C-alpha cells in the first residue's frame, strides 16, 4: 500500500493518517507526504503512488474536499481539507485504533502465567 523505510504501514491505516494530517490543517498532496514523514520521524515515507489514489478515494467518499490554490512557492497545487464527514470518520477510526493497539499490546505482554 505505501512505501517507507524499514517497516510498512499497517494495512488500512493510510486513510486514517491522511485524515489526521488534514485535521491539523489543509495541505497540498506533497505537503501531506512530507508531514507524515516529519511526524513519524522518517518511519513512514509514503510515495505519491499511494497518496494520490487515497486522496481520490477519500474525496469520492466525501471525507475530504479539494481546491486549487497557490503554494508557498507560488505554484498551483490541489489543497485538501477535511469535511465534517471526514472528521467523524477520523474520530471513529482513532477510537478503533486505540482499542486495537491496546489489545495487541496486552497480547504481546502476555505470559503463560497470566492466561
C-alpha atoms as a PDB file:
ATOM      1  CA  UNK A   1       0.000   0.000   0.000  1.00  0.00           C
ATOM      2  CA  UNK A   2       2.661   2.522   0.991  1.00  0.00           C
ATOM      3  CA  UNK A   3       6.403   2.541   0.767  1.00  0.00           C
ATOM      4  CA  UNK A   4       8.668   3.655   3.533  1.00  0.00           C
ATOM      5  CA  UNK A   5      11.962   2.746   5.179  1.00  0.00           C
ATOM      6  CA  UNK A   6      12.127  -0.383   7.325  1.00  0.00           C
ATOM      7  CA  UNK A   7       8.548  -1.277   8.253  1.00  0.00           C
ATOM      8  CA  UNK A   8       5.336  -0.823   6.309  1.00  0.00           C
ATOM      9  CA  UNK A   9       2.167   0.932   7.297  1.00  0.00           C
ATOM     10  CA  UNK A  10      -0.333  -1.378   8.897  1.00  0.00           C
ATOM     11  CA  UNK A  11      -2.822  -2.248   6.179  1.00  0.00           C
ATOM     12  CA  UNK A  12      -5.750   0.135   6.167  1.00  0.00           C
ATOM     13  CA  UNK A  13      -4.094   2.933   8.151  1.00  0.00           C
ATOM     14  CA  UNK A  14      -3.113   5.286   5.317  1.00  0.00           C
ATOM     15  CA  UNK A  15      -6.575   6.850   5.087  1.00  0.00           C
ATOM     16  CA  UNK A  16      -6.650   7.432   8.848  1.00  0.00           C
ATOM     17  CA  UNK A  17      -3.192   9.042   8.778  1.00  0.00           C
ATOM     18  CA  UNK A  18      -4.171  11.326   5.885  1.00  0.00           C
ATOM     19  CA  UNK A  19      -7.346  12.362   7.702  1.00  0.00           C
ATOM     20  CA  UNK A  20      -5.365  13.084  10.878  1.00  0.00           C
ATOM     21  CA  UNK A  21      -2.830  15.150   8.951  1.00  0.00           C
ATOM     22  CA  UNK A  22      -5.648  17.182   7.392  1.00  0.00           C
ATOM     23  CA  UNK A  23      -7.267  17.641  10.809  1.00  0.00           C
ATOM     24  CA  UNK A  24      -4.168  19.674  11.693  1.00  0.00           C
ATOM     25  CA  UNK A  25      -4.524  21.969   8.649  1.00  0.00           C
ATOM     26  CA  UNK A  26      -5.465  21.882   4.957  1.00  0.00           C
ATOM     27  CA  UNK A  27      -2.485  20.899   2.804  1.00  0.00           C
ATOM     28  CA  UNK A  28      -1.454  20.015  -0.721  1.00  0.00           C
ATOM     29  CA  UNK A  29      -0.612  16.423  -1.563  1.00  0.00           C
ATOM     30  CA  UNK A  30       3.156  16.745  -1.465  1.00  0.00           C
ATOM     31  CA  UNK A  31       2.908  18.543   1.875  1.00  0.00           C
ATOM     32  CA  UNK A  32       0.843  15.710   3.343  1.00  0.00           C
ATOM     33  CA  UNK A  33       3.549  13.204   2.411  1.00  0.00           C
ATOM     34  CA  UNK A  34       6.231  15.436   3.925  1.00  0.00           C
ATOM     35  CA  UNK A  35       4.185  15.933   7.101  1.00  0.00           C
ATOM     36  CA  UNK A  36       3.672  12.174   7.538  1.00  0.00           C
ATOM     37  CA  UNK A  37       7.425  11.707   7.190  1.00  0.00           C
ATOM     38  CA  UNK A  38       8.123  14.505   9.705  1.00  0.00           C
ATOM     39  CA  UNK A  39       5.625  13.412  12.347  1.00  0.00           C
ATOM     40  CA  UNK A  40       6.667   9.750  12.078  1.00  0.00           C
ATOM     41  CA  UNK A  41      10.331  10.825  12.327  1.00  0.00           C
ATOM     42  CA  UNK A  42      11.094   9.209   8.988  1.00  0.00           C
ATOM     43  CA  UNK A  43       9.421   5.863   9.661  1.00  0.00           C
ATOM     44  CA  UNK A  44       6.655   6.440   7.097  1.00  0.00           C
ATOM     45  CA  UNK A  45       7.746   7.830   3.741  1.00  0.00           C
ATOM     46  CA  UNK A  46       4.605   7.413   1.686  1.00  0.00           C
ATOM     47  CA  UNK A  47       5.060   7.796  -2.054  1.00  0.00           C
ATOM     48  CA  UNK A  48       2.775   9.664  -4.444  1.00  0.00           C
ATOM     49  CA  UNK A  49       1.688   6.354  -5.982  1.00  0.00           C
ATOM     50  CA  UNK A  50      -0.007   5.513  -2.686  1.00  0.00           C
ATOM     51  CA  UNK A  51      -1.110   9.001  -1.642  1.00  0.00           C
ATOM     52  CA  UNK A  52      -2.929  10.218  -4.731  1.00  0.00           C
ATOM     53  CA  UNK A  53      -5.221   7.192  -5.151  1.00  0.00           C
ATOM     54  CA  UNK A  54      -6.058   7.580  -1.447  1.00  0.00           C
ATOM     55  CA  UNK A  55      -6.878  11.275  -1.978  1.00  0.00           C
ATOM     56  CA  UNK A  56      -9.204  10.397  -4.858  1.00  0.00           C
ATOM     57  CA  UNK A  57     -10.918   7.701  -2.768  1.00  0.00           C
ATOM     58  CA  UNK A  58     -11.321   9.979   0.261  1.00  0.00           C
ATOM     59  CA  UNK A  59     -12.663  12.787  -1.928  1.00  0.00           C
ATOM     60  CA  UNK A  60     -15.094  10.435  -3.699  1.00  0.00           C
ATOM     61  CA  UNK A  61     -16.331   9.232  -0.289  1.00  0.00           C
ATOM     62  CA  UNK A  62     -16.937  12.819   0.861  1.00  0.00           C
ATOM     63  CA  UNK A  63     -14.309  12.694   3.605  1.00  0.00           C
ATOM     64  CA  UNK A  64     -12.080  15.389   2.115  1.00  0.00           C
ATOM     65  CA  UNK A  65     -12.607  18.224  -0.338  1.00  0.00           C
ATOM     66  CA  UNK A  66     -10.092  19.751  -2.708  1.00  0.00           C
ATOM     67  CA  UNK A  67      -9.472  23.120  -4.315  1.00  0.00           C
ATOM     68  CA  UNK A  68      -6.720  24.533  -6.490  1.00  0.00           C
ATOM     69  CA  UNK A  69      -4.625  27.234  -4.778  1.00  0.00           C
ATOM     70  CA  UNK A  70      -1.165  28.741  -4.955  1.00  0.00           C
ATOM     71  CA  UNK A  71       1.518  27.115  -2.797  1.00  0.00           C
ATOM     72  CA  UNK A  72       4.038  28.950  -0.648  1.00  0.00           C
ATOM     73  CA  UNK A  73       6.310  28.809  -3.758  1.00  0.00           C
ATOM     74  CA  UNK A  74       3.563  30.399  -5.883  1.00  0.00           C
ATOM     75  CA  UNK A  75       2.815  27.182  -7.797  1.00  0.00           C
ATOM     76  CA  UNK A  76      -0.663  25.826  -8.412  1.00  0.00           C
ATOM     77  CA  UNK A  77      -1.486  22.801  -6.290  1.00  0.00           C
ATOM     78  CA  UNK A  78      -4.567  20.944  -5.175  1.00  0.00           C
ATOM     79  CA  UNK A  79      -5.166  21.591  -1.476  1.00  0.00           C
ATOM     80  CA  UNK A  80      -7.129  19.080   0.561  1.00  0.00           C
ATOM     81  CA  UNK A  81      -9.252  19.777   3.635  1.00  0.00           C
ATOM     82  CA  UNK A  82     -11.288  17.604   5.958  1.00  0.00           C
ATOM     83  CA  UNK A  83     -15.091  17.636   5.642  1.00  0.00           C
ATOM     84  CA  UNK A  84     -17.436  17.160   8.616  1.00  0.00           C
ATOM     85  CA  UNK A  85     -17.889  13.541   7.467  1.00  0.00           C
ATOM     86  CA  UNK A  86     -14.100  13.176   7.416  1.00  0.00           C
ATOM     87  CA  UNK A  87     -13.845  14.458  10.999  1.00  0.00           C
ATOM     88  CA  UNK A  88     -16.471  11.949  12.104  1.00  0.00           C
ATOM     89  CA  UNK A  89     -14.692   9.102  10.279  1.00  0.00           C
ATOM     90  CA  UNK A  90     -11.369  10.129  11.844  1.00  0.00           C
ATOM     91  CA  UNK A  91     -12.901  10.100  15.331  1.00  0.00           C
ATOM     92  CA  UNK A  92     -14.263   6.577  14.786  1.00  0.00           C
ATOM     93  CA  UNK A  93     -11.010   5.351  13.246  1.00  0.00           C
ATOM     94  CA  UNK A  94      -8.938   6.805  16.101  1.00  0.00           C
ATOM     95  CA  UNK A  95     -11.176   5.124  18.693  1.00  0.00           C
ATOM     96  CA  UNK A  96     -10.976   1.785  16.858  1.00  0.00           C
ATOM     97  CA  UNK A  97      -7.192   2.159  16.520  1.00  0.00           C
ATOM     98  CA  UNK A  98      -6.783   2.803  20.268  1.00  0.00           C
ATOM     99  CA  UNK A  99      -8.893  -0.267  21.089  1.00  0.00           C
ATOM    100  CA  UNK A 100      -6.957  -2.480  18.662  1.00  0.00           C
ATOM    101  CA  UNK A 101      -3.480  -1.313  19.674  1.00  0.00           C
ATOM    102  CA  UNK A 102      -4.326  -1.719  23.374  1.00  0.00           C
ATOM    103  CA  UNK A 103      -5.474  -5.291  22.700  1.00  0.00           C
ATOM    104  CA  UNK A 104      -2.344  -6.058  20.670  1.00  0.00           C
ATOM    105  CA  UNK A 105      -0.181  -4.640  23.466  1.00  0.00           C
ATOM    106  CA  UNK A 106      -1.925  -6.864  26.027  1.00  0.00           C
ATOM    107  CA  UNK A 107      -1.346  -9.896  23.811  1.00  0.00           C
ATOM    108  CA  UNK A 108       2.332  -9.028  23.265  1.00  0.00           C
ATOM    109  CA  UNK A 109       2.915  -8.561  27.032  1.00  0.00           C
ATOM    110  CA  UNK A 110       1.077 -11.746  27.983  1.00  0.00           C
ATOM    111  CA  UNK A 111       2.893 -14.573  29.675  1.00  0.00           C
ATOM    112  CA  UNK A 112       1.696 -18.114  30.256  1.00  0.00           C
ATOM    113  CA  UNK A 113       1.090 -17.416  33.947  1.00  0.00           C
ATOM    114  CA  UNK A 114      -1.358 -14.602  33.134  1.00  0.00           C
ATOM    115  CA  UNK A 115      -3.673 -16.611  30.893  1.00  0.00           C
END
